[in-house]
Amino acid sequence: MLQAASSGIDLIADADRQLARRYVDCVLAVVPQAARDALEALMMTESEFYSDTFRNAEAKGEAKGEAKAVVMVLQARGLTLTETQKERINGCHDQTQLETWIARAATAESVGELFD
């Protein structure tokens, strides 16, 4: 059952809310009450995420947002990106690199300066 739940987590990360609710409902329907109580108690603790799957999904989402910010700043400043440059930015998952690019995007005279 845990393997099924783990597989479903990836679905939830990308699924719409209705599908996510259905998935959770199905899991809860087959989990014994004691396990449901333990899960609820665990959810009341201060930790945001317990599984690597959700921590990774959160990091991936943050990287996607930061990549989007880099592109938007460059475009707002009137700089034109090639498809290759957009792919490089959007394909980056390194938080430190993306933060560097955001700062550079604010002052770069060309898109090429972003990558120097």
C-alpha atoms as a PDB file:
ATOM      1  CA  MET A   1       0.000   0.000   0.000  1.00  0.00           C
ATOM      2  CA  LEU A   2       2.852   2.368   0.783  1.00  0.00           C
ATOM      3  CA  GLN A   3       4.300   1.771  -2.662  1.00  0.00           C
ATOM      4  CA  ALA A   4       0.972   2.736  -4.222  1.00  0.00           C
ATOM      5  CA  ALA A   5       0.837   5.860  -2.060  1.00  0.00           C
ATOM      6  CA  SER A   6       4.381   6.762  -3.043  1.00  0.00           C
ATOM      7  CA  SER A   7       3.577   6.365  -6.737  1.00  0.00           C
ATOM      8  CA  GLY A   8       0.463   8.467  -6.320  1.00  0.00           C
ATOM      9  CA  ILE A   9       2.393  11.311  -4.754  1.00  0.00           C
ATOM     10  CA  ASP A  10       3.994  12.063  -8.108  1.00  0.00           C
ATOM     11  CA  LEU A  11       0.526  12.171  -9.643  1.00  0.00           C
ATOM     12  CA  ILE A  12      -0.687  14.589  -6.994  1.00  0.00           C
ATOM     13  CA  ALA A  13       2.273  16.890  -7.532  1.00  0.00           C
ATOM     14  CA  ASP A  14       1.200  17.452 -11.140  1.00  0.00           C
ATOM     15  CA  ALA A  15      -2.524  16.693 -10.934  1.00  0.00           C
ATOM     16  CA  ASP A  16      -5.426  19.040 -10.708  1.00  0.00           C
ATOM     17  CA  ARG A  17      -7.076  19.459  -7.330  1.00  0.00           C
ATOM     18  CA  GLN A  18     -10.030  17.194  -8.076  1.00  0.00           C
ATOM     19  CA  LEU A  19      -7.783  14.270  -8.998  1.00  0.00           C
ATOM     20  CA  ALA A  20      -5.641  14.907  -5.916  1.00  0.00           C
ATOM     21  CA  ARG A  21      -8.719  14.822  -3.680  1.00  0.00           C
ATOM     22  CA  ARG A  22      -9.897  11.574  -5.272  1.00  0.00           C
ATOM     23  CA  TYR A  23      -6.495   9.988  -4.771  1.00  0.00           C
ATOM     24  CA  VAL A  24      -6.336  10.967  -1.109  1.00  0.00           C
ATOM     25  CA  ASP A  25      -9.903   9.771  -0.590  1.00  0.00           C
ATOM     26  CA  CYS A  26      -9.068   6.369  -2.105  1.00  0.00           C
ATOM     27  CA  VAL A  27      -5.978   5.990   0.089  1.00  0.00           C
ATOM     28  CA  LEU A  28      -7.876   6.970   3.220  1.00  0.00           C
ATOM     29  CA  ALA A  29     -10.661   4.536   2.387  1.00  0.00           C
ATOM     30  CA  VAL A  30      -8.302   1.564   2.596  1.00  0.00           C
ATOM     31  CA  VAL A  31      -6.045   2.678   5.459  1.00  0.00           C
ATOM     32  CA  PRO A  32      -7.022   1.428   8.935  1.00  0.00           C
ATOM     33  CA  GLN A  33      -8.332   4.059  11.378  1.00  0.00           C
ATOM     34  CA  ALA A  34      -5.224   3.756  13.590  1.00  0.00           C
ATOM     35  CA  ALA A  35      -3.011   4.606  10.619  1.00  0.00           C
ATOM     36  CA  ARG A  36      -5.279   7.514   9.682  1.00  0.00           C
ATOM     37  CA  ASP A  37      -5.067   8.848  13.251  1.00  0.00           C
ATOM     38  CA  ALA A  38      -1.279   8.524  13.217  1.00  0.00           C
ATOM     39  CA  LEU A  39      -1.115  10.303   9.864  1.00  0.00           C
ATOM     40  CA  GLU A  40      -3.267  13.143  11.128  1.00  0.00           C
ATOM     41  CA  ALA A  41      -1.083  13.511  14.247  1.00  0.00           C
ATOM     42  CA  LEU A  42       2.011  13.592  12.049  1.00  0.00           C
ATOM     43  CA  MET A  43       0.468  16.264   9.852  1.00  0.00           C
ATOM     44  CA  MET A  44      -0.081  18.486  12.892  1.00  0.00           C
ATOM     45  CA  THR A  45       3.674  18.722  13.540  1.00  0.00           C
ATOM     46  CA  GLU A  46       5.686  21.647  12.253  1.00  0.00           C
ATOM     47  CA  SER A  47       7.575  19.920   9.435  1.00  0.00           C
ATOM     48  CA  GLU A  48       6.329  20.938   5.990  1.00  0.00           C
ATOM     49  CA  PHE A  49       7.219  17.776   4.073  1.00  0.00           C
ATOM     50  CA  TYR A  50       8.354  14.336   5.191  1.00  0.00           C
ATOM     51  CA  SER A  51       8.995  12.617   1.884  1.00  0.00           C
ATOM     52  CA  ASP A  52      11.768  13.270  -0.579  1.00  0.00           C
ATOM     53  CA  THR A  53       9.130  13.215  -3.290  1.00  0.00           C
ATOM     54  CA  PHE A  54       7.360  16.306  -1.973  1.00  0.00           C
ATOM     55  CA  ARG A  55      10.579  18.088  -1.007  1.00  0.00           C
ATOM     56  CA  ASN A  56      11.830  17.511  -4.548  1.00  0.00           C
ATOM     57  CA  ALA A  57       8.512  18.626  -6.042  1.00  0.00           C
ATOM     58  CA  GLU A  58       8.663  21.822  -3.997  1.00  0.00           C
ATOM     59  CA  ALA A  59      12.253  22.516  -5.076  1.00  0.00           C
ATOM     60  CA  LYS A  60      11.329  21.823  -8.692  1.00  0.00           C
ATOM     61  CA  GLY A  61       8.405  24.248  -8.439  1.00  0.00           C
ATOM     62  CA  GLU A  62      10.598  26.941  -6.921  1.00  0.00           C
ATOM     63  CA  ALA A  63      13.190  26.486  -9.667  1.00  0.00           C
ATOM     64  CA  LYS A  64      10.493  26.716 -12.320  1.00  0.00           C
ATOM     65  CA  GLY A  65       9.243  29.982 -10.816  1.00  0.00           C
ATOM     66  CA  GLU A  66      12.724  31.460 -10.579  1.00  0.00           C
ATOM     67  CA  ALA A  67      13.495  30.466 -14.184  1.00  0.00           C
ATOM     68  CA  LYS A  68      10.281  32.166 -15.250  1.00  0.00           C
ATOM     69  CA  ALA A  69      11.354  35.283 -13.330  1.00  0.00           C
ATOM     70  CA  VAL A  70      14.705  35.386 -15.153  1.00  0.00           C
ATOM     71  CA  VAL A  71      12.977  35.237 -18.535  1.00  0.00           C
ATOM     72  CA  MET A  72      10.353  37.810 -17.540  1.00  0.00           C
ATOM     73  CA  VAL A  73      12.928  40.305 -16.245  1.00  0.00           C
ATOM     74  CA  LEU A  74      15.005  40.005 -19.412  1.00  0.00           C
ATOM     75  CA  GLN A  75      11.951  40.411 -21.628  1.00  0.00           C
ATOM     76  CA  ALA A  76      10.644  43.335 -19.591  1.00  0.00           C
ATOM     77  CA  ARG A  77      13.981  45.031 -20.140  1.00  0.00           C
ATOM     78  CA  GLY A  78      13.559  44.597 -23.898  1.00  0.00           C
ATOM     79  CA  LEU A  79      16.135  41.829 -24.315  1.00  0.00           C
ATOM     80  CA  THR A  80      15.299  39.065 -26.770  1.00  0.00           C
ATOM     81  CA  LEU A  81      16.106  35.471 -25.882  1.00  0.00           C
ATOM     82  CA  THR A  82      16.739  32.693 -28.341  1.00  0.00           C
ATOM     83  CA  GLU A  83      14.899  29.406 -27.872  1.00  0.00           C
ATOM     84  CA  THR A  84      18.210  27.833 -26.816  1.00  0.00           C
ATOM     85  CA  GLN A  85      18.691  30.481 -24.123  1.00  0.00           C
ATOM     86  CA  LYS A  86      15.125  30.022 -22.872  1.00  0.00           C
ATOM     87  CA  GLU A  87      15.619  26.253 -22.750  1.00  0.00           C
ATOM     88  CA  ARG A  88      18.863  26.671 -20.814  1.00  0.00           C
ATOM     89  CA  ILE A  89      17.185  28.916 -18.251  1.00  0.00           C
ATOM     90  CA  ASN A  90      14.024  26.825 -17.964  1.00  0.00           C
ATOM     91  CA  GLY A  91      16.048  23.617 -17.758  1.00  0.00           C
ATOM     92  CA  CYS A  92      18.120  24.826 -14.813  1.00  0.00           C
ATOM     93  CA  HIS A  93      17.200  23.392 -11.403  1.00  0.00           C
ATOM     94  CA  ASP A  94      20.147  24.846  -9.479  1.00  0.00           C
ATOM     95  CA  GLN A  95      18.699  27.383  -7.030  1.00  0.00           C
ATOM     96  CA  THR A  96      22.015  29.198  -6.600  1.00  0.00           C
ATOM     97  CA  GLN A  97      22.497  29.560 -10.355  1.00  0.00           C
ATOM     98  CA  LEU A  98      18.934  30.792 -10.849  1.00  0.00           C
ATOM     99  CA  GLU A  99      19.322  33.378  -8.089  1.00  0.00           C
ATOM    100  CA  THR A 100      22.534  34.574  -9.727  1.00  0.00           C
ATOM    101  CA  TRP A 101      20.749  34.861 -13.065  1.00  0.00           C
ATOM    102  CA  ILE A 102      17.874  36.820 -11.519  1.00  0.00           C
ATOM    103  CA  ALA A 103      20.328  39.370 -10.118  1.00  0.00           C
ATOM    104  CA  ARG A 104      22.217  39.572 -13.421  1.00  0.00           C
ATOM    105  CA  ALA A 105      18.990  39.876 -15.435  1.00  0.00           C
ATOM    106  CA  ALA A 106      18.283  43.173 -13.684  1.00  0.00           C
ATOM    107  CA  THR A 107      21.413  44.832 -15.067  1.00  0.00           C
ATOM    108  CA  ALA A 108      22.660  42.764 -18.027  1.00  0.00           C
ATOM    109  CA  GLU A 109      23.123  44.683 -21.259  1.00  0.00           C
ATOM    110  CA  SER A 110      22.596  41.490 -23.253  1.00  0.00           C
ATOM    111  CA  VAL A 111      21.282  38.003 -22.627  1.00  0.00           C
ATOM    112  CA  GLY A 112      24.808  36.710 -23.195  1.00  0.00           C
ATOM    113  CA  GLU A 113      25.977  38.607 -20.080  1.00  0.00           C
ATOM    114  CA  LEU A 114      23.593  36.518 -18.047  1.00  0.00           C
ATOM    115  CA  PHE A 115      25.676  33.409 -18.700  1.00  0.00           C
ATOM    116  CA  ASP A 116      29.156  34.997 -18.287  1.00  0.00           C
END
